[in-house]
Amino acid sequence: MRMKPFPIRCASAVAVTMLVAGCNGGFNPVRDVAAAVGAGPQTAASQDFVVQSRPTNLDYMPIGTAVQGRPTAARTADEIKAAEAELDALRARNEAAGAAAATLGNTPPPEPVKLPANTSQPTRQKTNSKRTP
């Protein structure tokens, strides 16, 4: 098997490297060279309202560190008991209202209306008439 000349091997290695590097979004040698020469896209400056709306310092919440203190104080045992009593009273009111609604819903259905018999029209007699097809 015959080997390719050295320049062709180097060129193919560079091409493969560029293709593989093209998969990475942060590294683009063609774009970087074009931008350095001045042939690439021109980046526009941000508008004033965009610059003013962005904070100068982005303080992100650190991950894995404990938060220093609570913003509100924890409830005392007496406050917890008072809240439980308030919730128990609310539950008792709701159960009483539900029981009252259930008793209102237990009314029997109304009796059907009885209409007097209609005697003003004569009754029709059946006739046995045979029809011939």
C-alpha atoms as a PDB file:
ATOM      1  CA  MET A   1       0.000   0.000   0.000  1.00  0.00           C
ATOM      2  CA  ARG A   2       1.402   3.293  -1.074  1.00  0.00           C
ATOM      3  CA  MET A   3       1.513   6.227   1.395  1.00  0.00           C
ATOM      4  CA  LYS A   4       0.175   9.643   0.426  1.00  0.00           C
ATOM      5  CA  PRO A   5       2.678  12.477   0.221  1.00  0.00           C
ATOM      6  CA  PHE A   6       3.311  14.440   3.408  1.00  0.00           C
ATOM      7  CA  PRO A   7       1.517  17.717   2.391  1.00  0.00           C
ATOM      8  CA  ILE A   8      -1.656  15.806   1.508  1.00  0.00           C
ATOM      9  CA  ARG A   9      -1.577  13.976   4.843  1.00  0.00           C
ATOM     10  CA  CYS A  10      -1.115  17.258   6.705  1.00  0.00           C
ATOM     11  CA  ALA A  11      -3.898  18.941   4.763  1.00  0.00           C
ATOM     12  CA  SER A  12      -6.279  16.052   5.442  1.00  0.00           C
ATOM     13  CA  ALA A  13      -5.338  16.070   9.140  1.00  0.00           C
ATOM     14  CA  VAL A  14      -5.997  19.822   9.332  1.00  0.00           C
ATOM     15  CA  ALA A  15      -9.334  19.368   7.523  1.00  0.00           C
ATOM     16  CA  VAL A  16     -10.432  16.602   9.870  1.00  0.00           C
ATOM     17  CA  THR A  17      -9.364  18.675  12.878  1.00  0.00           C
ATOM     18  CA  MET A  18     -11.352  21.650  11.622  1.00  0.00           C
ATOM     19  CA  LEU A  19     -14.426  19.505  10.995  1.00  0.00           C
ATOM     20  CA  VAL A  20     -14.258  17.991  14.462  1.00  0.00           C
ATOM     21  CA  ALA A  21     -13.578  21.394  16.041  1.00  0.00           C
ATOM     22  CA  GLY A  22     -16.581  22.796  14.156  1.00  0.00           C
ATOM     23  CA  CYS A  23     -18.819  20.701  16.403  1.00  0.00           C
ATOM     24  CA  ASN A  24     -17.732  22.841  19.341  1.00  0.00           C
ATOM     25  CA  GLY A  25     -19.798  26.033  19.501  1.00  0.00           C
ATOM     26  CA  GLY A  26     -17.108  28.177  21.134  1.00  0.00           C
ATOM     27  CA  PHE A  27     -14.288  27.378  18.734  1.00  0.00           C
ATOM     28  CA  ASN A  28     -14.625  28.369  15.077  1.00  0.00           C
ATOM     29  CA  PRO A  29     -11.284  29.112  13.414  1.00  0.00           C
ATOM     30  CA  VAL A  30     -12.833  30.198  10.105  1.00  0.00           C
ATOM     31  CA  ARG A  31     -15.015  32.761  11.855  1.00  0.00           C
ATOM     32  CA  ASP A  32     -12.139  33.937  14.027  1.00  0.00           C
ATOM     33  CA  VAL A  33      -9.838  34.459  11.035  1.00  0.00           C
ATOM     34  CA  ALA A  34     -12.590  36.204   9.056  1.00  0.00           C
ATOM     35  CA  ALA A  35     -13.350  38.510  11.977  1.00  0.00           C
ATOM     36  CA  ALA A  36      -9.639  39.288  12.466  1.00  0.00           C
ATOM     37  CA  VAL A  37      -9.233  40.226   8.781  1.00  0.00           C
ATOM     38  CA  GLY A  38     -12.412  42.299   8.820  1.00  0.00           C
ATOM     39  CA  ALA A  39     -14.419  40.106   6.458  1.00  0.00           C
ATOM     40  CA  GLY A  40     -16.596  38.595   9.178  1.00  0.00           C
ATOM     41  CA  PRO A  41     -19.849  39.897  10.568  1.00  0.00           C
ATOM     42  CA  GLN A  42     -19.675  43.207  12.353  1.00  0.00           C
ATOM     43  CA  THR A  43     -20.856  43.148  15.939  1.00  0.00           C
ATOM     44  CA  ALA A  44     -23.172  46.000  16.795  1.00  0.00           C
ATOM     45  CA  ALA A  45     -22.944  47.842  20.067  1.00  0.00           C
ATOM     46  CA  SER A  46     -25.766  47.247  22.532  1.00  0.00           C
ATOM     47  CA  GLN A  47     -28.506  49.830  22.722  1.00  0.00           C
ATOM     48  CA  ASP A  48     -28.469  52.229  25.692  1.00  0.00           C
ATOM     49  CA  PHE A  49     -31.644  50.829  27.272  1.00  0.00           C
ATOM     50  CA  VAL A  50     -30.158  47.326  27.145  1.00  0.00           C
ATOM     51  CA  VAL A  51     -26.950  48.445  28.814  1.00  0.00           C
ATOM     52  CA  GLN A  52     -28.884  50.385  31.479  1.00  0.00           C
ATOM     53  CA  SER A  53     -31.266  47.513  32.235  1.00  0.00           C
ATOM     54  CA  ARG A  54     -28.483  45.006  32.890  1.00  0.00           C
ATOM     55  CA  PRO A  55     -27.004  44.910  36.368  1.00  0.00           C
ATOM     56  CA  THR A  56     -23.325  45.682  36.669  1.00  0.00           C
ATOM     57  CA  ASN A  57     -22.689  42.835  39.092  1.00  0.00           C
ATOM     58  CA  LEU A  58     -24.467  39.508  38.734  1.00  0.00           C
ATOM     59  CA  ASP A  59     -24.407  37.923  42.170  1.00  0.00           C
ATOM     60  CA  TYR A  60     -25.522  34.361  41.744  1.00  0.00           C
ATOM     61  CA  MET A  61     -26.606  32.219  44.641  1.00  0.00           C
ATOM     62  CA  PRO A  62     -23.671  30.019  45.592  1.00  0.00           C
ATOM     63  CA  ILE A  63     -24.338  26.309  45.270  1.00  0.00           C
ATOM     64  CA  GLY A  64     -23.500  24.004  48.154  1.00  0.00           C
ATOM     65  CA  THR A  65     -23.076  26.671  50.824  1.00  0.00           C
ATOM     66  CA  ALA A  66     -25.370  27.292  53.763  1.00  0.00           C
ATOM     67  CA  VAL A  67     -27.554  30.383  53.771  1.00  0.00           C
ATOM     68  CA  GLN A  68     -26.671  32.778  56.570  1.00  0.00           C
ATOM     69  CA  GLY A  69     -29.757  33.088  58.825  1.00  0.00           C
ATOM     70  CA  ARG A  70     -33.479  33.243  58.072  1.00  0.00           C
ATOM     71  CA  PRO A  71     -35.164  36.408  56.780  1.00  0.00           C
ATOM     72  CA  THR A  72     -38.067  35.836  59.217  1.00  0.00           C
ATOM     73  CA  ALA A  73     -37.935  34.488  62.735  1.00  0.00           C
ATOM     74  CA  ALA A  74     -39.241  30.995  63.421  1.00  0.00           C
ATOM     75  CA  ARG A  75     -42.575  30.700  65.271  1.00  0.00           C
ATOM     76  CA  THR A  76     -42.640  29.963  68.943  1.00  0.00           C
ATOM     77  CA  ALA A  77     -44.500  26.990  70.418  1.00  0.00           C
ATOM     78  CA  ASP A  78     -47.371  29.265  71.547  1.00  0.00           C
ATOM     79  CA  GLU A  79     -47.727  30.738  68.046  1.00  0.00           C
ATOM     80  CA  ILE A  80     -47.834  27.243  66.550  1.00  0.00           C
ATOM     81  CA  LYS A  81     -50.550  26.160  69.019  1.00  0.00           C
ATOM     82  CA  ALA A  82     -52.576  29.300  68.222  1.00  0.00           C
ATOM     83  CA  ALA A  83     -52.319  28.594  64.485  1.00  0.00           C
ATOM     84  CA  GLU A  84     -53.396  24.973  65.033  1.00  0.00           C
ATOM     85  CA  ALA A  85     -56.390  26.118  67.096  1.00  0.00           C
ATOM     86  CA  GLU A  86     -57.367  28.572  64.353  1.00  0.00           C
ATOM     87  CA  LEU A  87     -57.172  25.837  61.725  1.00  0.00           C
ATOM     88  CA  ASP A  88     -59.201  23.452  63.919  1.00  0.00           C
ATOM     89  CA  ALA A  89     -61.938  26.094  64.337  1.00  0.00           C
ATOM     90  CA  LEU A  90     -61.981  26.670  60.571  1.00  0.00           C
ATOM     91  CA  ARG A  91     -62.290  22.930  59.959  1.00  0.00           C
ATOM     92  CA  ALA A  92     -65.200  22.685  62.436  1.00  0.00           C
ATOM     93  CA  ARG A  93     -67.010  25.561  60.656  1.00  0.00           C
ATOM     94  CA  ASN A  94     -66.507  23.914  57.267  1.00  0.00           C
ATOM     95  CA  GLU A  95     -67.746  20.544  58.542  1.00  0.00           C
ATOM     96  CA  ALA A  96     -70.850  22.192  60.029  1.00  0.00           C
ATOM     97  CA  ALA A  97     -71.563  23.986  56.759  1.00  0.00           C
ATOM     98  CA  GLY A  98     -71.120  20.717  54.863  1.00  0.00           C
ATOM     99  CA  ALA A  99     -73.493  18.881  57.219  1.00  0.00           C
ATOM    100  CA  ALA A 100     -76.110  21.634  56.782  1.00  0.00           C
ATOM    101  CA  ALA A 101     -75.808  21.403  53.007  1.00  0.00           C
ATOM    102  CA  ALA A 102     -76.140  17.621  53.162  1.00  0.00           C
ATOM    103  CA  THR A 103     -79.391  17.857  55.156  1.00  0.00           C
ATOM    104  CA  LEU A 104     -80.786  20.352  52.648  1.00  0.00           C
ATOM    105  CA  GLY A 105     -79.958  17.932  49.867  1.00  0.00           C
ATOM    106  CA  ASN A 106     -81.904  15.067  51.499  1.00  0.00           C
ATOM    107  CA  THR A 107     -85.359  16.427  50.649  1.00  0.00           C
ATOM    108  CA  PRO A 108     -87.571  13.915  48.866  1.00  0.00           C
ATOM    109  CA  PRO A 109     -88.520  14.558  45.259  1.00  0.00           C
ATOM    110  CA  PRO A 110     -91.892  16.261  44.733  1.00  0.00           C
ATOM    111  CA  GLU A 111     -95.002  14.200  44.091  1.00  0.00           C
ATOM    112  CA  PRO A 112     -96.102  14.108  40.468  1.00  0.00           C
ATOM    113  CA  VAL A 113     -99.007  16.355  39.543  1.00  0.00           C
ATOM    114  CA  LYS A 114    -102.276  14.431  39.077  1.00  0.00           C
ATOM    115  CA  LEU A 115    -104.321  15.777  36.204  1.00  0.00           C
ATOM    116  CA  PRO A 116    -108.058  15.170  36.010  1.00  0.00           C
ATOM    117  CA  ALA A 117    -109.192  12.741  33.337  1.00  0.00           C
ATOM    118  CA  ASN A 118    -110.214  14.416  30.087  1.00  0.00           C
ATOM    119  CA  THR A 119    -113.809  13.293  29.430  1.00  0.00           C
ATOM    120  CA  SER A 120    -114.749  15.942  26.871  1.00  0.00           C
ATOM    121  CA  GLN A 121    -113.427  13.973  23.888  1.00  0.00           C
ATOM    122  CA  PRO A 122    -115.152  10.783  22.781  1.00  0.00           C
ATOM    123  CA  THR A 123    -113.049   7.676  22.788  1.00  0.00           C
ATOM    124  CA  ARG A 124    -112.042   6.273  19.432  1.00  0.00           C
ATOM    125  CA  GLN A 125    -113.091   2.812  18.594  1.00  0.00           C
ATOM    126  CA  LYS A 126    -110.758   0.454  16.941  1.00  0.00           C
ATOM    127  CA  THR A 127    -111.648  -0.611  13.465  1.00  0.00           C
ATOM    128  CA  ASN A 128    -110.353  -3.760  11.970  1.00  0.00           C
ATOM    129  CA  SER A 129    -109.901  -2.653   8.441  1.00  0.00           C
ATOM    130  CA  LYS A 130    -107.688  -4.750   6.354  1.00  0.00           C
ATOM    131  CA  ARG A 131    -105.604  -3.058   3.825  1.00  0.00           C
ATOM    132  CA  THR A 132    -104.707  -4.732   0.659  1.00  0.00           C
ATOM    133  CA  PRO A 133    -101.315  -4.189  -0.618  1.00  0.00           C
END
